[in-house]
């Protein structure tokens, strides 16, 4: 198996890419949610066949999923999700700092997950009713789920991260070797 490409640290700033992707995703997510909330006519024009755009406020986790038993404690559920998501965002950034130079695929995947999580965290802080979800695909495994751009970004980022792990881009021996090279520079 061919070795995964590495990045020249002097010519490439992974933090800039990470934060740029995160920021772009948060802006795109906020804009699309605003469009959905304002009932913009382009959504109705795009909704054809199995694709529709119903506005929903999701007090649960991604893709309109909800933890059973927390319904009676909506306020505590909201703050539990805020605290958990904040911790996850810190963890994703720490993981990015560890693997960014070794794996461009992982770096992009982590940025997508971070941007999606940040978009939904901002929504959860802004709206007591929950995160704005508005994309509904009534087909296959997605039937019945309503989601948003942030959910899609986080899912795609997770898939990219799994792909990088399957290719061993983030293998411990590879990370140790890169750390030694960086210390010598």
N, C-alpha and C. Protein backbone atom coordinates (compact mmCIF):
# COMPACT_ATOMS: atom_id res chain seq x y z
N UNK A 1 0.85 -1.18 0.00
CA UNK A 1 0.00 0.00 0.00
C UNK A 1 0.89 1.24 0.00
N UNK A 2 0.58 2.19 -0.84
CA UNK A 2 1.37 3.41 -0.96
C UNK A 2 1.17 4.28 0.28
N UNK A 3 2.24 4.96 0.63
CA UNK A 3 2.18 5.84 1.80
C UNK A 3 1.31 7.05 1.48
N UNK A 4 0.58 7.50 2.47
CA UNK A 4 -0.27 8.68 2.30
C UNK A 4 0.62 9.91 2.16
N UNK A 5 0.17 10.91 1.43
CA UNK A 5 0.99 12.11 1.23
C UNK A 5 1.14 12.89 2.53
N UNK A 6 2.28 13.53 2.70
CA UNK A 6 2.48 14.41 3.85
C UNK A 6 2.57 15.83 3.33
N UNK A 7 2.41 16.77 4.24
CA UNK A 7 2.39 18.18 3.87
C UNK A 7 3.65 18.86 4.38
N UNK A 8 4.20 19.75 3.59
CA UNK A 8 5.33 20.56 4.00
C UNK A 8 4.81 21.62 4.96
N UNK A 9 5.24 21.55 6.20
CA UNK A 9 4.73 22.44 7.24
C UNK A 9 5.00 23.91 6.93
N UNK A 10 6.11 24.20 6.26
CA UNK A 10 6.44 25.60 5.97
C UNK A 10 5.54 26.17 4.88
N UNK A 11 5.06 25.33 3.98
CA UNK A 11 4.26 25.82 2.86
C UNK A 11 2.76 25.72 3.11
N UNK A 12 2.38 25.14 4.23
CA UNK A 12 0.97 24.84 4.45
C UNK A 12 0.63 25.07 5.92
N UNK A 13 -0.43 25.78 6.18
CA UNK A 13 -0.85 26.04 7.55
C UNK A 13 -2.17 25.31 7.82
N UNK A 14 -2.11 24.13 8.44
CA UNK A 14 -3.34 23.36 8.68
C UNK A 14 -4.35 24.11 9.54
N UNK A 15 -3.88 24.93 10.49
CA UNK A 15 -4.82 25.68 11.32
C UNK A 15 -5.63 26.65 10.49
N UNK A 16 -4.99 27.30 9.52
CA UNK A 16 -5.71 28.24 8.67
C UNK A 16 -6.79 27.51 7.87
N UNK A 17 -6.44 26.35 7.34
CA UNK A 17 -7.42 25.56 6.57
C UNK A 17 -8.55 25.10 7.49
N UNK A 18 -8.20 24.59 8.67
CA UNK A 18 -9.19 24.09 9.63
C UNK A 18 -10.19 25.19 9.99
N UNK A 19 -9.68 26.36 10.40
CA UNK A 19 -10.57 27.44 10.84
C UNK A 19 -11.32 28.06 9.68
N UNK A 20 -10.70 28.09 8.49
CA UNK A 20 -11.41 28.61 7.31
C UNK A 20 -12.59 27.71 6.95
N UNK A 21 -12.36 26.40 6.93
CA UNK A 21 -13.45 25.47 6.64
C UNK A 21 -14.54 25.55 7.71
N UNK A 22 -14.12 25.61 8.96
CA UNK A 22 -15.10 25.73 10.06
C UNK A 22 -15.93 26.99 9.88
N UNK A 23 -15.27 28.12 9.64
CA UNK A 23 -15.99 29.38 9.49
C UNK A 23 -16.93 29.38 8.29
N UNK A 24 -16.47 28.86 7.16
CA UNK A 24 -17.32 28.80 5.97
C UNK A 24 -18.55 27.93 6.22
N UNK A 25 -18.36 26.81 6.89
CA UNK A 25 -19.49 25.94 7.18
C UNK A 25 -20.48 26.58 8.13
N UNK A 26 -20.00 27.26 9.13
CA UNK A 26 -20.90 27.94 10.07
C UNK A 26 -21.70 29.01 9.34
N UNK A 27 -21.04 29.77 8.47
CA UNK A 27 -21.76 30.81 7.71
C UNK A 27 -22.78 30.19 6.75
N UNK A 28 -22.39 29.16 6.01
CA UNK A 28 -23.31 28.50 5.09
C UNK A 28 -24.50 27.90 5.84
N UNK A 29 -24.22 27.26 6.96
CA UNK A 29 -25.28 26.66 7.77
C UNK A 29 -26.24 27.74 8.29
N UNK A 30 -25.70 28.83 8.82
CA UNK A 30 -26.54 29.91 9.34
C UNK A 30 -27.39 30.53 8.23
N UNK A 31 -26.79 30.72 7.05
CA UNK A 31 -27.52 31.31 5.93
C UNK A 31 -28.66 30.41 5.48
N UNK A 32 -28.39 29.11 5.34
CA UNK A 32 -29.45 28.21 4.89
C UNK A 32 -30.56 28.09 5.94
N UNK A 33 -30.21 28.10 7.21
CA UNK A 33 -31.23 28.05 8.26
C UNK A 33 -32.06 29.33 8.26
N UNK A 34 -31.41 30.47 8.03
CA UNK A 34 -32.15 31.72 7.95
C UNK A 34 -33.13 31.69 6.78
N UNK A 35 -32.65 31.16 5.62
CA UNK A 35 -33.53 31.05 4.46
C UNK A 35 -34.73 30.15 4.78
N UNK A 36 -34.48 29.05 5.47
CA UNK A 36 -35.58 28.14 5.81
C UNK A 36 -36.57 28.80 6.76
N UNK A 37 -36.07 29.53 7.75
CA UNK A 37 -36.94 30.19 8.71
C UNK A 37 -37.74 31.32 8.09
N UNK A 38 -37.17 31.98 7.10
CA UNK A 38 -37.89 33.10 6.47
C UNK A 38 -38.86 32.62 5.40
N UNK A 39 -38.90 31.31 5.15
CA UNK A 39 -39.83 30.76 4.16
C UNK A 39 -39.50 31.20 2.75
N UNK A 40 -38.24 31.32 2.46
CA UNK A 40 -37.81 31.79 1.14
C UNK A 40 -38.34 30.89 0.03
N UNK A 41 -38.82 31.48 -1.06
CA UNK A 41 -39.46 30.69 -2.12
C UNK A 41 -38.53 29.72 -2.85
N UNK A 42 -37.21 29.91 -2.78
CA UNK A 42 -36.33 28.98 -3.49
C UNK A 42 -36.42 27.58 -2.91
N UNK A 43 -36.76 27.47 -1.64
CA UNK A 43 -36.90 26.14 -1.05
C UNK A 43 -38.07 25.39 -1.67
N UNK A 44 -39.19 26.08 -1.85
CA UNK A 44 -40.35 25.43 -2.47
C UNK A 44 -40.05 25.04 -3.90
N UNK A 45 -39.28 25.88 -4.60
CA UNK A 45 -38.94 25.58 -5.99
C UNK A 45 -37.99 24.37 -6.08
N UNK A 46 -37.12 24.21 -5.10
CA UNK A 46 -36.18 23.08 -5.11
C UNK A 46 -36.83 21.77 -4.69
N UNK A 47 -37.84 21.86 -3.85
CA UNK A 47 -38.48 20.65 -3.32
C UNK A 47 -39.30 19.93 -4.37
N UNK A 48 -38.79 18.86 -4.88
CA UNK A 48 -39.47 18.07 -5.91
C UNK A 48 -39.39 16.59 -5.54
N UNK A 49 -40.46 15.87 -5.73
CA UNK A 49 -40.44 14.42 -5.49
C UNK A 49 -40.11 14.06 -4.06
N UNK A 50 -39.02 13.34 -3.88
CA UNK A 50 -38.64 12.85 -2.56
C UNK A 50 -37.96 13.92 -1.71
N UNK A 51 -37.64 15.08 -2.27
CA UNK A 51 -36.96 16.15 -1.56
C UNK A 51 -37.96 17.23 -1.16
N UNK A 52 -37.98 17.56 0.14
CA UNK A 52 -38.85 18.64 0.62
C UNK A 52 -38.12 19.40 1.72
N UNK A 53 -38.68 20.55 2.08
CA UNK A 53 -38.02 21.43 3.04
C UNK A 53 -38.96 21.89 4.14
N UNK A 54 -39.39 20.98 5.01
CA UNK A 54 -40.25 21.37 6.12
C UNK A 54 -39.41 21.99 7.25
N UNK A 55 -39.85 23.10 7.78
CA UNK A 55 -39.13 23.74 8.89
C UNK A 55 -39.47 23.03 10.19
N UNK A 56 -38.45 22.55 10.87
CA UNK A 56 -38.63 21.87 12.16
C UNK A 56 -37.58 22.40 13.14
N UNK A 57 -37.94 22.43 14.40
CA UNK A 57 -36.99 22.75 15.45
C UNK A 57 -36.71 21.45 16.19
N UNK A 58 -35.48 21.02 16.14
CA UNK A 58 -35.10 19.73 16.70
C UNK A 58 -34.47 19.91 18.08
N UNK A 59 -35.17 19.51 19.14
CA UNK A 59 -34.57 19.61 20.47
C UNK A 59 -33.61 18.46 20.78
N UNK A 60 -33.54 17.48 19.88
CA UNK A 60 -32.69 16.30 20.09
C UNK A 60 -31.33 16.45 19.43
N UNK A 61 -30.75 15.33 19.08
CA UNK A 61 -29.43 15.32 18.44
C UNK A 61 -29.59 15.39 16.93
N UNK A 62 -28.54 15.15 16.19
CA UNK A 62 -28.54 15.29 14.73
C UNK A 62 -29.60 14.42 14.06
N UNK A 63 -30.03 14.87 12.90
CA UNK A 63 -31.00 14.15 12.06
C UNK A 63 -32.32 13.90 12.78
N UNK A 64 -32.73 14.84 13.63
CA UNK A 64 -34.00 14.78 14.37
C UNK A 64 -34.10 13.58 15.30
N UNK A 65 -32.99 13.02 15.69
CA UNK A 65 -33.00 11.90 16.63
C UNK A 65 -33.05 12.45 18.05
N UNK A 66 -33.62 11.69 18.94
CA UNK A 66 -33.80 12.16 20.30
C UNK A 66 -33.54 11.05 21.29
N UNK A 67 -32.91 11.38 22.42
CA UNK A 67 -32.67 10.41 23.47
C UNK A 67 -33.97 10.23 24.25
N UNK A 68 -34.45 9.00 24.33
CA UNK A 68 -35.70 8.73 25.04
C UNK A 68 -35.51 8.98 26.53
N UNK A 69 -36.55 9.44 27.18
CA UNK A 69 -36.52 9.64 28.62
C UNK A 69 -36.14 11.05 29.03
N UNK A 70 -35.58 11.85 28.12
CA UNK A 70 -35.21 13.21 28.46
C UNK A 70 -36.30 14.22 28.10
N UNK A 71 -37.38 13.76 27.45
CA UNK A 71 -38.42 14.66 26.98
C UNK A 71 -39.03 15.50 28.10
N UNK A 72 -39.14 14.95 29.28
CA UNK A 72 -39.76 15.67 30.39
C UNK A 72 -38.87 16.78 30.92
N UNK A 73 -37.61 16.77 30.54
CA UNK A 73 -36.64 17.74 31.06
C UNK A 73 -36.00 18.50 29.90
N UNK A 74 -36.81 19.18 29.09
CA UNK A 74 -36.33 19.82 27.87
C UNK A 74 -35.21 20.82 28.14
N UNK A 75 -35.33 21.61 29.20
CA UNK A 75 -34.29 22.61 29.49
C UNK A 75 -32.98 21.93 29.85
N UNK A 76 -33.05 20.91 30.70
CA UNK A 76 -31.81 20.21 31.07
C UNK A 76 -31.25 19.44 29.88
N UNK A 77 -32.12 18.93 29.01
CA UNK A 77 -31.66 18.23 27.81
C UNK A 77 -30.88 19.20 26.91
N UNK A 78 -31.41 20.39 26.75
CA UNK A 78 -30.74 21.40 25.92
C UNK A 78 -29.34 21.69 26.43
N UNK A 79 -29.21 21.93 27.73
CA UNK A 79 -27.89 22.28 28.28
C UNK A 79 -26.96 21.07 28.34
N UNK A 80 -27.51 19.88 28.44
CA UNK A 80 -26.69 18.67 28.35
C UNK A 80 -26.07 18.59 26.95
N UNK A 81 -26.87 18.86 25.91
CA UNK A 81 -26.36 18.84 24.54
C UNK A 81 -25.35 19.95 24.32
N UNK A 82 -25.58 21.14 24.88
CA UNK A 82 -24.64 22.25 24.74
C UNK A 82 -23.29 21.88 25.38
N UNK A 83 -23.33 21.35 26.58
CA UNK A 83 -22.09 20.98 27.26
C UNK A 83 -21.36 19.85 26.52
N UNK A 84 -22.10 18.86 26.07
CA UNK A 84 -21.49 17.74 25.35
C UNK A 84 -20.89 18.21 24.04
N UNK A 85 -21.62 19.03 23.30
CA UNK A 85 -21.14 19.50 22.02
C UNK A 85 -19.92 20.41 22.18
N UNK A 86 -19.89 21.21 23.21
CA UNK A 86 -18.73 22.05 23.48
C UNK A 86 -17.50 21.18 23.74
N UNK A 87 -17.66 20.15 24.55
CA UNK A 87 -16.55 19.23 24.82
C UNK A 87 -16.10 18.54 23.53
N UNK A 88 -17.03 18.11 22.71
CA UNK A 88 -16.70 17.45 21.44
C UNK A 88 -15.92 18.40 20.53
N UNK A 89 -16.31 19.66 20.46
CA UNK A 89 -15.60 20.63 19.61
C UNK A 89 -14.16 20.83 20.09
N UNK A 90 -13.96 20.89 21.39
CA UNK A 90 -12.60 21.01 21.94
C UNK A 90 -11.80 19.75 21.60
N UNK A 91 -12.41 18.59 21.76
CA UNK A 91 -11.74 17.33 21.43
C UNK A 91 -11.36 17.27 19.94
N UNK A 92 -12.28 17.67 19.06
CA UNK A 92 -12.01 17.64 17.61
C UNK A 92 -10.83 18.55 17.27
N UNK A 93 -10.78 19.73 17.89
CA UNK A 93 -9.65 20.61 17.61
C UNK A 93 -8.34 20.03 18.13
N UNK A 94 -8.37 19.45 19.31
CA UNK A 94 -7.16 18.81 19.85
C UNK A 94 -6.70 17.67 18.95
N UNK A 95 -7.64 16.89 18.46
CA UNK A 95 -7.29 15.80 17.54
C UNK A 95 -6.73 16.37 16.24
N UNK A 96 -7.31 17.43 15.74
CA UNK A 96 -6.79 18.10 14.54
C UNK A 96 -5.33 18.51 14.76
N UNK A 97 -5.02 19.10 15.90
CA UNK A 97 -3.64 19.55 16.19
C UNK A 97 -2.67 18.37 16.15
N UNK A 98 -3.16 17.20 16.51
CA UNK A 98 -2.28 16.02 16.55
C UNK A 98 -2.07 15.40 15.18
N UNK A 99 -3.06 15.40 14.30
CA UNK A 99 -2.96 14.64 13.05
C UNK A 99 -2.90 15.50 11.79
N UNK A 100 -3.02 16.81 11.89
CA UNK A 100 -3.15 17.66 10.70
C UNK A 100 -1.99 17.52 9.73
N UNK A 101 -0.76 17.46 10.23
CA UNK A 101 0.40 17.37 9.33
C UNK A 101 0.55 15.98 8.73
N UNK A 102 0.04 14.99 9.41
CA UNK A 102 0.18 13.62 8.91
C UNK A 102 -0.88 13.25 7.89
N UNK A 103 -2.03 13.86 8.01
CA UNK A 103 -3.15 13.40 7.19
C UNK A 103 -4.05 14.55 6.75
N UNK A 104 -3.88 14.99 5.50
CA UNK A 104 -4.77 16.04 4.98
C UNK A 104 -6.23 15.60 4.98
N UNK A 105 -6.47 14.33 4.71
CA UNK A 105 -7.84 13.81 4.69
C UNK A 105 -8.47 13.95 6.07
N UNK A 106 -7.73 13.57 7.10
CA UNK A 106 -8.23 13.70 8.47
C UNK A 106 -8.47 15.15 8.84
N UNK A 107 -7.55 16.03 8.41
CA UNK A 107 -7.70 17.44 8.73
C UNK A 107 -9.00 17.99 8.15
N UNK A 108 -9.30 17.67 6.90
CA UNK A 108 -10.53 18.15 6.28
C UNK A 108 -11.74 17.51 6.96
N UNK A 109 -11.67 16.22 7.25
CA UNK A 109 -12.77 15.54 7.93
C UNK A 109 -13.06 16.15 9.29
N UNK A 110 -12.01 16.42 10.05
CA UNK A 110 -12.19 17.02 11.37
C UNK A 110 -12.74 18.44 11.26
N UNK A 111 -12.30 19.19 10.24
CA UNK A 111 -12.83 20.55 10.04
C UNK A 111 -14.31 20.51 9.69
N UNK A 112 -14.72 19.55 8.84
CA UNK A 112 -16.14 19.42 8.51
C UNK A 112 -16.96 19.07 9.75
N UNK A 113 -16.46 18.15 10.55
CA UNK A 113 -17.17 17.78 11.78
C UNK A 113 -17.23 18.97 12.73
N UNK A 114 -16.14 19.70 12.86
CA UNK A 114 -16.08 20.86 13.75
C UNK A 114 -17.03 21.96 13.28
N UNK A 115 -17.03 22.24 11.97
CA UNK A 115 -17.93 23.26 11.44
C UNK A 115 -19.39 22.89 11.61
N UNK A 116 -19.71 21.63 11.36
CA UNK A 116 -21.09 21.17 11.56
C UNK A 116 -21.50 21.26 13.02
N UNK A 117 -20.62 20.83 13.89
CA UNK A 117 -20.92 20.90 15.33
C UNK A 117 -21.06 22.34 15.81
N UNK A 118 -20.18 23.22 15.33
CA UNK A 118 -20.26 24.63 15.73
C UNK A 118 -21.55 25.28 15.24
N UNK A 119 -21.96 24.94 14.01
CA UNK A 119 -23.21 25.49 13.48
C UNK A 119 -24.40 25.07 14.32
N UNK A 120 -24.45 23.81 14.69
CA UNK A 120 -25.57 23.34 15.51
C UNK A 120 -25.48 23.85 16.95
N UNK A 121 -24.26 24.03 17.47
CA UNK A 121 -24.12 24.60 18.81
C UNK A 121 -24.66 26.03 18.85
N UNK A 122 -24.30 26.83 17.86
CA UNK A 122 -24.82 28.21 17.81
C UNK A 122 -26.34 28.21 17.73
N UNK A 123 -26.90 27.33 16.94
CA UNK A 123 -28.35 27.22 16.83
C UNK A 123 -28.99 26.84 18.16
N UNK A 124 -28.37 25.89 18.84
CA UNK A 124 -28.92 25.43 20.11
C UNK A 124 -28.87 26.54 21.16
N UNK A 125 -27.85 27.39 21.08
CA UNK A 125 -27.76 28.52 22.01
C UNK A 125 -28.77 29.62 21.65
N UNK A 126 -29.06 29.79 20.35
CA UNK A 126 -29.97 30.84 19.91
C UNK A 126 -31.44 30.50 20.07
N UNK A 127 -31.80 29.24 19.89
CA UNK A 127 -33.20 28.85 19.87
C UNK A 127 -33.52 27.86 20.99
N UNK A 128 -34.41 28.25 21.87
CA UNK A 128 -34.81 27.34 22.95
C UNK A 128 -35.54 26.10 22.41
N UNK A 129 -36.20 26.25 21.26
CA UNK A 129 -36.95 25.12 20.69
C UNK A 129 -36.05 24.06 20.09
N UNK A 130 -34.79 24.40 19.83
CA UNK A 130 -33.85 23.42 19.28
C UNK A 130 -33.19 23.91 18.01
N UNK A 131 -32.49 23.01 17.39
CA UNK A 131 -31.74 23.30 16.17
C UNK A 131 -32.71 23.34 14.98
N UNK A 132 -32.50 24.28 14.07
CA UNK A 132 -33.33 24.39 12.88
C UNK A 132 -32.95 23.27 11.90
N UNK A 133 -33.91 22.42 11.58
CA UNK A 133 -33.75 21.37 10.57
C UNK A 133 -34.76 21.65 9.47
N UNK A 134 -34.36 21.42 8.22
CA UNK A 134 -35.28 21.77 7.14
C UNK A 134 -35.11 20.92 5.88
N UNK A 135 -34.19 20.00 5.84
CA UNK A 135 -33.99 19.17 4.64
C UNK A 135 -34.59 17.79 4.93
N UNK A 136 -35.49 17.37 4.07
CA UNK A 136 -36.12 16.06 4.22
C UNK A 136 -36.02 15.30 2.91
N UNK A 137 -35.41 14.14 2.96
CA UNK A 137 -35.31 13.27 1.79
C UNK A 137 -36.13 12.03 2.11
N UNK A 138 -37.23 11.86 1.38
CA UNK A 138 -38.13 10.75 1.67
C UNK A 138 -37.77 9.56 0.77
N UNK A 139 -36.60 9.00 1.04
CA UNK A 139 -36.15 7.86 0.24
C UNK A 139 -35.10 7.06 1.01
N UNK A 140 -35.17 5.77 0.89
CA UNK A 140 -34.15 4.89 1.45
C UNK A 140 -33.94 5.06 2.94
N UNK A 141 -32.68 5.01 3.33
CA UNK A 141 -32.32 5.09 4.75
C UNK A 141 -32.62 6.45 5.35
N UNK A 142 -32.77 7.48 4.54
CA UNK A 142 -33.03 8.83 5.04
C UNK A 142 -34.51 9.12 5.26
N UNK A 143 -35.39 8.22 4.85
CA UNK A 143 -36.83 8.44 4.97
C UNK A 143 -37.19 8.75 6.42
N UNK A 144 -37.90 9.83 6.62
CA UNK A 144 -38.35 10.22 7.95
C UNK A 144 -37.40 11.14 8.69
N UNK A 145 -36.17 11.28 8.22
CA UNK A 145 -35.21 12.15 8.90
C UNK A 145 -35.29 13.56 8.32
N UNK A 146 -35.16 14.55 9.21
CA UNK A 146 -35.09 15.94 8.79
C UNK A 146 -33.78 16.46 9.36
N UNK A 147 -33.00 17.14 8.52
CA UNK A 147 -31.66 17.54 8.94
C UNK A 147 -31.31 18.89 8.33
N UNK A 148 -30.06 19.32 8.52
CA UNK A 148 -29.60 20.62 8.02
C UNK A 148 -28.20 20.48 7.44
N UNK A 149 -27.66 21.57 6.95
CA UNK A 149 -26.33 21.57 6.33
C UNK A 149 -25.26 21.15 7.34
N UNK A 150 -25.38 21.58 8.59
CA UNK A 150 -24.40 21.22 9.61
C UNK A 150 -24.37 19.71 9.83
N UNK A 151 -25.52 19.09 9.84
CA UNK A 151 -25.59 17.63 10.02
C UNK A 151 -24.89 16.91 8.87
N UNK A 152 -25.12 17.40 7.64
CA UNK A 152 -24.50 16.78 6.47
C UNK A 152 -22.98 16.95 6.53
N UNK A 153 -22.52 18.15 6.90
CA UNK A 153 -21.08 18.40 7.00
C UNK A 153 -20.44 17.48 8.05
N UNK A 154 -21.07 17.36 9.22
CA UNK A 154 -20.52 16.50 10.27
C UNK A 154 -20.48 15.04 9.83
N UNK A 155 -21.53 14.59 9.15
CA UNK A 155 -21.55 13.21 8.66
C UNK A 155 -20.46 12.98 7.62
N UNK A 156 -20.33 13.88 6.66
CA UNK A 156 -19.29 13.75 5.63
C UNK A 156 -17.90 13.80 6.26
N UNK A 157 -17.72 14.67 7.24
CA UNK A 157 -16.43 14.74 7.95
C UNK A 157 -16.12 13.44 8.66
N UNK A 158 -17.11 12.86 9.31
CA UNK A 158 -16.90 11.57 9.98
C UNK A 158 -16.53 10.47 9.01
N UNK A 159 -17.17 10.47 7.84
CA UNK A 159 -16.85 9.47 6.82
C UNK A 159 -15.43 9.66 6.29
N UNK A 160 -15.02 10.93 6.09
CA UNK A 160 -13.64 11.19 5.66
C UNK A 160 -12.63 10.73 6.71
N UNK A 161 -12.95 10.98 7.97
CA UNK A 161 -12.06 10.55 9.05
C UNK A 161 -11.95 9.03 9.09
N UNK A 162 -13.06 8.34 8.93
CA UNK A 162 -13.02 6.87 8.89
C UNK A 162 -12.20 6.37 7.71
N UNK A 163 -12.32 7.03 6.57
CA UNK A 163 -11.55 6.65 5.40
C UNK A 163 -10.06 6.83 5.65
N UNK A 164 -9.68 7.95 6.28
CA UNK A 164 -8.28 8.19 6.60
C UNK A 164 -7.75 7.14 7.59
N UNK A 165 -8.58 6.78 8.55
CA UNK A 165 -8.17 5.75 9.52
C UNK A 165 -8.01 4.40 8.83
N UNK A 166 -8.91 4.08 7.91
CA UNK A 166 -8.82 2.82 7.18
C UNK A 166 -7.56 2.78 6.32
N UNK A 167 -7.13 3.92 5.84
CA UNK A 167 -5.91 3.99 5.03
C UNK A 167 -4.67 4.13 5.90
N UNK A 168 -4.85 4.15 7.21
CA UNK A 168 -3.76 4.26 8.18
C UNK A 168 -2.99 5.57 8.08
N UNK A 169 -3.67 6.63 7.66
CA UNK A 169 -3.03 7.93 7.59
C UNK A 169 -2.71 8.46 8.99
N UNK A 170 -3.46 8.00 9.97
CA UNK A 170 -3.28 8.49 11.34
C UNK A 170 -2.71 7.40 12.25
N UNK A 171 -2.01 6.46 11.69
CA UNK A 171 -1.45 5.36 12.48
C UNK A 171 -0.44 5.91 13.49
N UNK A 172 -0.41 5.35 14.70
CA UNK A 172 0.52 5.85 15.73
C UNK A 172 1.97 5.89 15.28
N UNK A 173 2.43 4.86 14.55
CA UNK A 173 3.82 4.86 14.12
C UNK A 173 4.09 6.02 13.15
N UNK A 174 3.15 6.32 12.31
CA UNK A 174 3.29 7.44 11.37
C UNK A 174 3.31 8.78 12.12
N UNK A 175 2.46 8.93 13.12
CA UNK A 175 2.42 10.17 13.90
C UNK A 175 3.73 10.36 14.68
N UNK A 176 4.26 9.28 15.26
CA UNK A 176 5.54 9.37 15.99
C UNK A 176 6.67 9.79 15.05
N UNK A 177 6.73 9.20 13.85
CA UNK A 177 7.78 9.54 12.89
C UNK A 177 7.69 11.01 12.48
N UNK A 178 6.50 11.51 12.26
CA UNK A 178 6.34 12.91 11.89
C UNK A 178 6.71 13.83 13.04
N UNK A 179 6.41 13.43 14.26
CA UNK A 179 6.77 14.24 15.42
C UNK A 179 8.30 14.36 15.53
N UNK A 180 9.01 13.27 15.27
CA UNK A 180 10.48 13.31 15.29
C UNK A 180 11.02 14.24 14.21
N UNK A 181 10.45 14.20 13.03
CA UNK A 181 10.88 15.07 11.95
C UNK A 181 10.64 16.53 12.32
N UNK A 182 9.50 16.84 12.93
CA UNK A 182 9.19 18.21 13.30
C UNK A 182 10.13 18.72 14.38
N UNK A 183 10.53 17.85 15.31
CA UNK A 183 11.47 18.28 16.36
C UNK A 183 12.82 18.63 15.78
N UNK A 184 13.22 17.95 14.73
CA UNK A 184 14.53 18.20 14.11
C UNK A 184 14.53 19.49 13.30
N UNK A 185 13.38 19.92 12.84
CA UNK A 185 13.32 21.14 12.00
C UNK A 185 13.57 22.41 12.78
